[in-house]
PDB file of N, CA and C in Angstrom:
ATOM      1  N   MET A   1     -49.561 -80.333  10.688  1.00  0.00           N
ATOM      2  CA  MET A   1     -48.800 -79.608   9.920  1.00  0.00           C
ATOM      3  C   MET A   1     -49.010 -79.299   8.519  1.00  0.00           C
ATOM      4  N   LYS A   2     -49.256 -78.104   7.841  1.00  0.00           N
ATOM      5  CA  LYS A   2     -49.553 -78.341   6.387  1.00  0.00           C
ATOM      6  C   LYS A   2     -48.257 -78.460   5.715  1.00  0.00           C
ATOM      7  N   ASP A   3     -48.385 -79.033   4.440  1.00  0.00           N
ATOM      8  CA  ASP A   3     -47.244 -79.127   3.594  1.00  0.00           C
ATOM      9  C   ASP A   3     -47.287 -77.843   2.823  1.00  0.00           C
ATOM     10  N   THR A   4     -46.037 -77.222   2.633  1.00  0.00           N
ATOM     11  CA  THR A   4     -45.832 -76.328   1.636  1.00  0.00           C
ATOM     12  C   THR A   4     -46.108 -76.971   0.296  1.00  0.00           C
ATOM     13  N   THR A   5     -46.264 -75.899  -0.874  1.00  0.00           N
ATOM     14  CA  THR A   5     -45.172 -76.062  -2.377  1.00  0.00           C
ATOM     15  C   THR A   5     -44.922 -75.483  -3.081  1.00  0.00           C
ATOM     16  N   ASN A   6     -44.015 -75.720  -3.765  1.00  0.00           N
ATOM     17  CA  ASN A   6     -43.280 -75.014  -4.211  1.00  0.00           C
ATOM     18  C   ASN A   6     -43.764 -73.998  -4.887  1.00  0.00           C
ATOM     19  N   LYS A   7     -45.155 -73.922  -5.833  1.00  0.00           N
ATOM     20  CA  LYS A   7     -45.666 -72.632  -6.663  1.00  0.00           C
ATOM     21  C   LYS A   7     -45.895 -72.060  -5.289  1.00  0.00           C
ATOM     22  N   HIS A   8     -46.085 -71.894  -4.765  1.00  0.00           N
ATOM     23  CA  HIS A   8     -46.543 -71.233  -3.015  1.00  0.00           C
ATOM     24  C   HIS A   8     -45.097 -70.248  -2.502  1.00  0.00           C
ATOM     25  N   ASP A   9     -44.126 -71.277  -2.614  1.00  0.00           N
ATOM     26  CA  ASP A   9     -42.930 -70.956  -2.450  1.00  0.00           C
ATOM     27  C   ASP A   9     -42.392 -69.977  -3.371  1.00  0.00           C
ATOM     28  N   LEU A  10     -42.299 -70.093  -4.174  1.00  0.00           N
ATOM     29  CA  LEU A  10     -41.759 -69.219  -5.623  1.00  0.00           C
ATOM     30  C   LEU A  10     -43.003 -67.776  -5.491  1.00  0.00           C
ATOM     31  N   LEU A  11     -44.149 -68.202  -5.602  1.00  0.00           N
ATOM     32  CA  LEU A  11     -45.105 -66.524  -5.557  1.00  0.00           C
ATOM     33  C   LEU A  11     -44.770 -65.860  -4.578  1.00  0.00           C
ATOM     34  N   ASN A  12     -44.683 -66.294  -2.923  1.00  0.00           N
ATOM     35  CA  ASN A  12     -43.974 -65.732  -2.155  1.00  0.00           C
ATOM     36  C   ASN A  12     -43.075 -64.873  -2.051  1.00  0.00           C
ATOM     37  N   GLY A  13     -41.988 -65.840  -2.610  1.00  0.00           N
ATOM     38  CA  GLY A  13     -40.944 -64.844  -3.051  1.00  0.00           C
ATOM     39  C   GLY A  13     -40.814 -64.329  -4.032  1.00  0.00           C
ATOM     40  N   PHE A  14     -41.376 -64.339  -4.934  1.00  0.00           N
ATOM     41  CA  PHE A  14     -41.728 -63.457  -6.523  1.00  0.00           C
ATOM     42  C   PHE A  14     -42.334 -62.481  -5.797  1.00  0.00           C
ATOM     43  N   LEU A  15     -43.005 -62.507  -5.126  1.00  0.00           N
ATOM     44  CA  LEU A  15     -43.737 -60.923  -4.641  1.00  0.00           C
ATOM     45  C   LEU A  15     -43.158 -60.023  -3.514  1.00  0.00           C
ATOM     46  N   LEU A  16     -42.060 -60.711  -3.003  1.00  0.00           N
ATOM     47  CA  LEU A  16     -41.456 -60.371  -1.977  1.00  0.00           C
ATOM     48  C   LEU A  16     -40.196 -59.379  -2.707  1.00  0.00           C
ATOM     49  N   LEU A  17     -39.647 -59.504  -3.728  1.00  0.00           N
ATOM     50  CA  LEU A  17     -38.414 -59.624  -4.435  1.00  0.00           C
ATOM     51  C   LEU A  17     -38.785 -58.453  -5.445  1.00  0.00           C
ATOM     52  N   SER A  18     -40.060 -58.853  -6.005  1.00  0.00           N
ATOM     53  CA  SER A  18     -40.131 -57.896  -6.970  1.00  0.00           C
ATOM     54  C   SER A  18     -40.432 -56.592  -6.869  1.00  0.00           C
ATOM     55  N   PRO A  19     -40.617 -55.806  -6.073  1.00  0.00           N
ATOM     56  CA  PRO A  19     -40.917 -54.249  -5.678  1.00  0.00           C
ATOM     57  C   PRO A  19     -38.627 -54.017  -6.237  1.00  0.00           C
ATOM     58  N   ILE A  20     -38.024 -54.998  -4.940  1.00  0.00           N
ATOM     59  CA  ILE A  20     -36.351 -54.826  -5.485  1.00  0.00           C
ATOM     60  C   ILE A  20     -36.129 -54.696  -6.834  1.00  0.00           C
ATOM     61  N   PHE A  21     -36.349 -55.403  -7.993  1.00  0.00           N
ATOM     62  CA  PHE A  21     -36.513 -55.616  -8.915  1.00  0.00           C
ATOM     63  C   PHE A  21     -36.621 -54.792  -9.686  1.00  0.00           C
ATOM     64  N   LEU A  22     -38.234 -54.327  -9.550  1.00  0.00           N
ATOM     65  CA  LEU A  22     -38.623 -52.956 -10.158  1.00  0.00           C
ATOM     66  C   LEU A  22     -37.772 -51.872  -9.730  1.00  0.00           C
ATOM     67  N   TRP A  23     -37.428 -51.999  -8.632  1.00  0.00           N
ATOM     68  CA  TRP A  23     -36.382 -50.289  -8.284  1.00  0.00           C
ATOM     69  C   TRP A  23     -35.321 -50.545  -9.107  1.00  0.00           C
ATOM     70  N   ASN A  24     -34.299 -51.754  -9.084  1.00  0.00           N
ATOM     71  CA  ASN A  24     -33.498 -51.899  -9.529  1.00  0.00           C
ATOM     72  C   ASN A  24     -33.338 -51.114 -11.177  1.00  0.00           C
ATOM     73  N   ILE A  25     -34.423 -52.016 -11.811  1.00  0.00           N
ATOM     74  CA  ILE A  25     -34.593 -51.724 -13.451  1.00  0.00           C
ATOM     75  C   ILE A  25     -34.616 -50.126 -13.575  1.00  0.00           C
ATOM     76  N   ILE A  26     -35.160 -49.670 -12.910  1.00  0.00           N
ATOM     77  CA  ILE A  26     -35.860 -48.029 -12.842  1.00  0.00           C
ATOM     78  C   ILE A  26     -34.802 -47.518 -12.422  1.00  0.00           C
ATOM     79  N   PHE A  27     -33.951 -47.608 -12.124  1.00  0.00           N
ATOM     80  CA  PHE A  27     -32.365 -46.984 -11.589  1.00  0.00           C
ATOM     81  C   PHE A  27     -31.327 -47.120 -12.463  1.00  0.00           C
ATOM     82  N   ILE A  28     -31.427 -48.165 -13.149  1.00  0.00           N
ATOM     83  CA  ILE A  28     -29.976 -48.745 -13.444  1.00  0.00           C
ATOM     84  C   ILE A  28     -29.170 -48.101 -14.487  1.00  0.00           C
ATOM     85  N   LYS A  29     -29.607 -46.615 -14.967  1.00  0.00           N
ATOM     86  CA  LYS A  29     -29.353 -46.011 -15.717  1.00  0.00           C
ATOM     87  C   LYS A  29     -28.804 -44.842 -15.127  1.00  0.00           C
ATOM     88  N   GLN A  30     -28.346 -44.511 -13.376  1.00  0.00           N
ATOM     89  CA  GLN A  30     -28.361 -43.896 -13.114  1.00  0.00           C
ATOM     90  C   GLN A  30     -26.967 -44.045 -12.356  1.00  0.00           C
ATOM     91  N   LEU A  31     -26.570 -45.279 -12.233  1.00  0.00           N
ATOM     92  CA  LEU A  31     -25.751 -45.481 -11.104  1.00  0.00           C
ATOM     93  C   LEU A  31     -24.469 -45.568 -12.502  1.00  0.00           C
ATOM     94  N   PRO A  32     -23.320 -44.862 -11.208  1.00  0.00           N
ATOM     95  CA  PRO A  32     -22.010 -44.348 -12.167  1.00  0.00           C
ATOM     96  C   PRO A  32     -21.745 -45.508 -12.822  1.00  0.00           C
ATOM     97  N   LYS A  33     -20.460 -44.951 -14.091  1.00  0.00           N
ATOM     98  CA  LYS A  33     -20.294 -45.729 -14.994  1.00  0.00           C
ATOM     99  C   LYS A  33     -19.225 -46.863 -14.346  1.00  0.00           C
ATOM    100  N   ALA A  34     -18.464 -46.604 -12.920  1.00  0.00           N
ATOM    101  CA  ALA A  34     -17.956 -47.304 -12.221  1.00  0.00           C
ATOM    102  C   ALA A  34     -18.828 -49.236 -12.230  1.00  0.00           C
ATOM    103  N   PHE A  35     -20.295 -48.549 -11.730  1.00  0.00           N
ATOM    104  CA  PHE A  35     -20.845 -49.431 -11.400  1.00  0.00           C
ATOM    105  C   PHE A  35     -21.272 -50.832 -12.625  1.00  0.00           C
ATOM    106  N   SER A  36     -21.026 -50.328 -13.750  1.00  0.00           N
ATOM    107  CA  SER A  36     -21.315 -51.336 -15.136  1.00  0.00           C
ATOM    108  C   SER A  36     -20.552 -52.332 -14.907  1.00  0.00           C
ATOM    109  N   ARG A  37     -21.365 -53.734 -15.751  1.00  0.00           N
ATOM    110  CA  ARG A  37     -20.573 -54.756 -15.560  1.00  0.00           C
ATOM    111  C   ARG A  37     -19.568 -54.914 -16.580  1.00  0.00           C
ATOM    112  N   GLU A  38     -18.924 -54.495 -17.106  1.00  0.00           N
ATOM    113  CA  GLU A  38     -17.840 -53.841 -18.255  1.00  0.00           C
ATOM    114  C   GLU A  38     -16.575 -53.760 -17.574  1.00  0.00           C
ATOM    115  N   ILE A  39     -17.030 -52.575 -16.357  1.00  0.00           N
ATOM    116  CA  ILE A  39     -16.205 -51.872 -16.093  1.00  0.00           C
ATOM    117  C   ILE A  39     -15.751 -52.607 -14.408  1.00  0.00           C
ATOM    118  N   PHE A  40     -16.539 -52.932 -13.655  1.00  0.00           N
ATOM    119  CA  PHE A  40     -16.287 -53.801 -12.553  1.00  0.00           C
ATOM    120  C   PHE A  40     -15.897 -54.812 -12.865  1.00  0.00           C
ATOM    121  N   TRP A  41     -16.730 -55.824 -13.872  1.00  0.00           N
ATOM    122  CA  TRP A  41     -15.327 -57.092 -13.616  1.00  0.00           C
ATOM    123  C   TRP A  41     -14.533 -56.916 -14.577  1.00  0.00           C
ATOM    124  N   LYS A  42     -14.004 -56.016 -15.191  1.00  0.00           N
ATOM    125  CA  LYS A  42     -12.980 -56.437 -16.076  1.00  0.00           C
ATOM    126  C   LYS A  42     -11.584 -56.814 -15.282  1.00  0.00           C
ATOM    127  N   ASP A  43     -11.448 -56.575 -14.368  1.00  0.00           N
ATOM    128  CA  ASP A  43     -10.002 -56.667 -13.524  1.00  0.00           C
ATOM    129  C   ASP A  43      -9.789 -57.790 -12.716  1.00  0.00           C
ATOM    130  N   ILE A  44     -11.058 -58.443 -12.624  1.00  0.00           N
ATOM    131  CA  ILE A  44     -11.425 -59.723 -11.811  1.00  0.00           C
ATOM    132  C   ILE A  44     -11.371 -60.949 -12.795  1.00  0.00           C
ATOM    133  N   PRO A  45     -10.400 -62.070 -12.165  1.00  0.00           N
ATOM    134  CA  PRO A  45     -10.294 -62.988 -12.881  1.00  0.00           C
ATOM    135  C   PRO A  45     -11.663 -63.811 -12.980  1.00  0.00           C
ATOM    136  N   PRO A  46     -11.551 -64.665 -14.286  1.00  0.00           N
ATOM    137  CA  PRO A  46     -13.315 -65.135 -14.227  1.00  0.00           C
ATOM    138  C   PRO A  46     -13.271 -65.852 -13.603  1.00  0.00           C
ATOM    139  N   ILE A  47     -12.205 -66.888 -13.024  1.00  0.00           N
ATOM    140  CA  ILE A  47     -12.317 -68.063 -11.984  1.00  0.00           C
ATOM    141  C   ILE A  47     -12.953 -67.382 -10.907  1.00  0.00           C
ATOM    142  N   ILE A  48     -12.170 -66.541 -10.495  1.00  0.00           N
ATOM    143  CA  ILE A  48     -13.349 -65.902  -9.106  1.00  0.00           C
ATOM    144  C   ILE A  48     -14.750 -65.427  -9.549  1.00  0.00           C
ATOM    145  N   GLY A  49     -15.304 -65.049 -10.688  1.00  0.00           N
ATOM    146  CA  GLY A  49     -16.658 -64.654 -11.127  1.00  0.00           C
ATOM    147  C   GLY A  49     -17.119 -65.826 -11.275  1.00  0.00           C
ATOM    148  N   TRP A  50     -17.250 -66.556 -12.078  1.00  0.00           N
ATOM    149  CA  TRP A  50     -17.481 -68.145 -12.022  1.00  0.00           C
ATOM    150  C   TRP A  50     -18.142 -68.073 -10.541  1.00  0.00           C
ATOM    151  N   THR A  51     -17.147 -68.700  -9.333  1.00  0.00           N
ATOM    152  CA  THR A  51     -16.471 -68.916  -8.369  1.00  0.00           C
ATOM    153  C   THR A  51     -17.736 -68.343  -7.641  1.00  0.00           C
ATOM    154  N   GLU A  52     -17.900 -67.044  -7.045  1.00  0.00           N
ATOM    155  CA  GLU A  52     -19.093 -66.017  -6.834  1.00  0.00           C
ATOM    156  C   GLU A  52     -20.057 -66.393  -7.377  1.00  0.00           C
ATOM    157  N   ASN A  53     -20.451 -66.233  -8.180  1.00  0.00           N
ATOM    158  CA  ASN A  53     -21.673 -66.632  -8.790  1.00  0.00           C
ATOM    159  C   ASN A  53     -22.350 -67.984  -8.116  1.00  0.00           C
ATOM    160  N   GLY A  54     -21.562 -68.589  -8.628  1.00  0.00           N
ATOM    161  CA  GLY A  54     -21.929 -70.123  -8.531  1.00  0.00           C
ATOM    162  C   GLY A  54     -22.239 -69.972  -7.046  1.00  0.00           C
ATOM    163  N   LEU A  55     -21.520 -70.037  -5.933  1.00  0.00           N
ATOM    164  CA  LEU A  55     -21.971 -69.916  -4.672  1.00  0.00           C
ATOM    165  C   LEU A  55     -23.211 -69.287  -4.432  1.00  0.00           C
ATOM    166  N   ARG A  56     -23.380 -67.853  -5.141  1.00  0.00           N
ATOM    167  CA  ARG A  56     -24.111 -67.172  -4.755  1.00  0.00           C
ATOM    168  C   ARG A  56     -25.875 -68.326  -5.104  1.00  0.00           C
ATOM    169  N   VAL A  57     -25.365 -68.427  -6.159  1.00  0.00           N
ATOM    170  CA  VAL A  57     -26.635 -69.468  -6.787  1.00  0.00           C
ATOM    171  C   VAL A  57     -26.841 -70.384  -5.419  1.00  0.00           C
ATOM    172  N   LEU A  58     -25.888 -71.355  -4.817  1.00  0.00           N
ATOM    173  CA  LEU A  58     -25.932 -72.167  -4.354  1.00  0.00           C
ATOM    174  C   LEU A  58     -26.179 -71.690  -2.738  1.00  0.00           C
ATOM    175  N   VAL A  59     -25.944 -70.600  -2.178  1.00  0.00           N
ATOM    176  CA  VAL A  59     -26.230 -69.880  -0.999  1.00  0.00           C
ATOM    177  C   VAL A  59     -27.700 -69.904  -1.372  1.00  0.00           C
ATOM    178  N   PHE A  60     -28.688 -69.162  -1.925  1.00  0.00           N
ATOM    179  CA  PHE A  60     -29.774 -68.953  -2.535  1.00  0.00           C
ATOM    180  C   PHE A  60     -30.400 -70.033  -2.290  1.00  0.00           C
ATOM    181  N   ALA A  61     -30.001 -71.141  -2.912  1.00  0.00           N
ATOM    182  CA  ALA A  61     -30.911 -72.464  -3.333  1.00  0.00           C
ATOM    183  C   ALA A  61     -31.055 -73.249  -1.963  1.00  0.00           C
ATOM    184  N   LEU A  62     -29.989 -72.928  -1.346  1.00  0.00           N
ATOM    185  CA  LEU A  62     -29.661 -73.826  -0.221  1.00  0.00           C
ATOM    186  C   LEU A  62     -31.180 -74.381   0.770  1.00  0.00           C
ATOM    187  N   PRO A  63     -31.649 -73.341   0.924  1.00  0.00           N
ATOM    188  CA  PRO A  63     -32.071 -73.054   2.447  1.00  0.00           C
ATOM    189  C   PRO A  63     -33.857 -73.894   1.964  1.00  0.00           C
ATOM    190  N   LYS A  64     -33.710 -73.902   0.230  1.00  0.00           N
ATOM    191  CA  LYS A  64     -35.049 -74.811  -0.144  1.00  0.00           C
ATOM    192  C   LYS A  64     -34.666 -76.113  -0.015  1.00  0.00           C
ATOM    193  N   ASN A  65     -33.921 -76.703  -0.358  1.00  0.00           N
ATOM    194  CA  ASN A  65     -33.700 -77.913   0.365  1.00  0.00           C
ATOM    195  C   ASN A  65     -33.216 -78.723   1.317  1.00  0.00           C
ATOM    196  N   LEU A  66     -33.604 -77.257   2.819  1.00  0.00           N
ATOM    197  CA  LEU A  66     -33.261 -77.992   3.827  1.00  0.00           C
ATOM    198  C   LEU A  66     -34.290 -78.336   4.803  1.00  0.00           C
TER     199      LEU A  66
END
């Protein structure tokens, strides 16, 4: 079995996600104001925001470490 490298995995992930990132960047100005960062996170306590973002990073990073 061939050993995969981190460079190969990162490049593969980047190529798969780059159209999605590009789509988001192009149409970010078209979103309603309710989806802006300032309004969306206004009433959410900071501890919940930090926990959510931390768990999101963990979930995305976990398969790489398995």
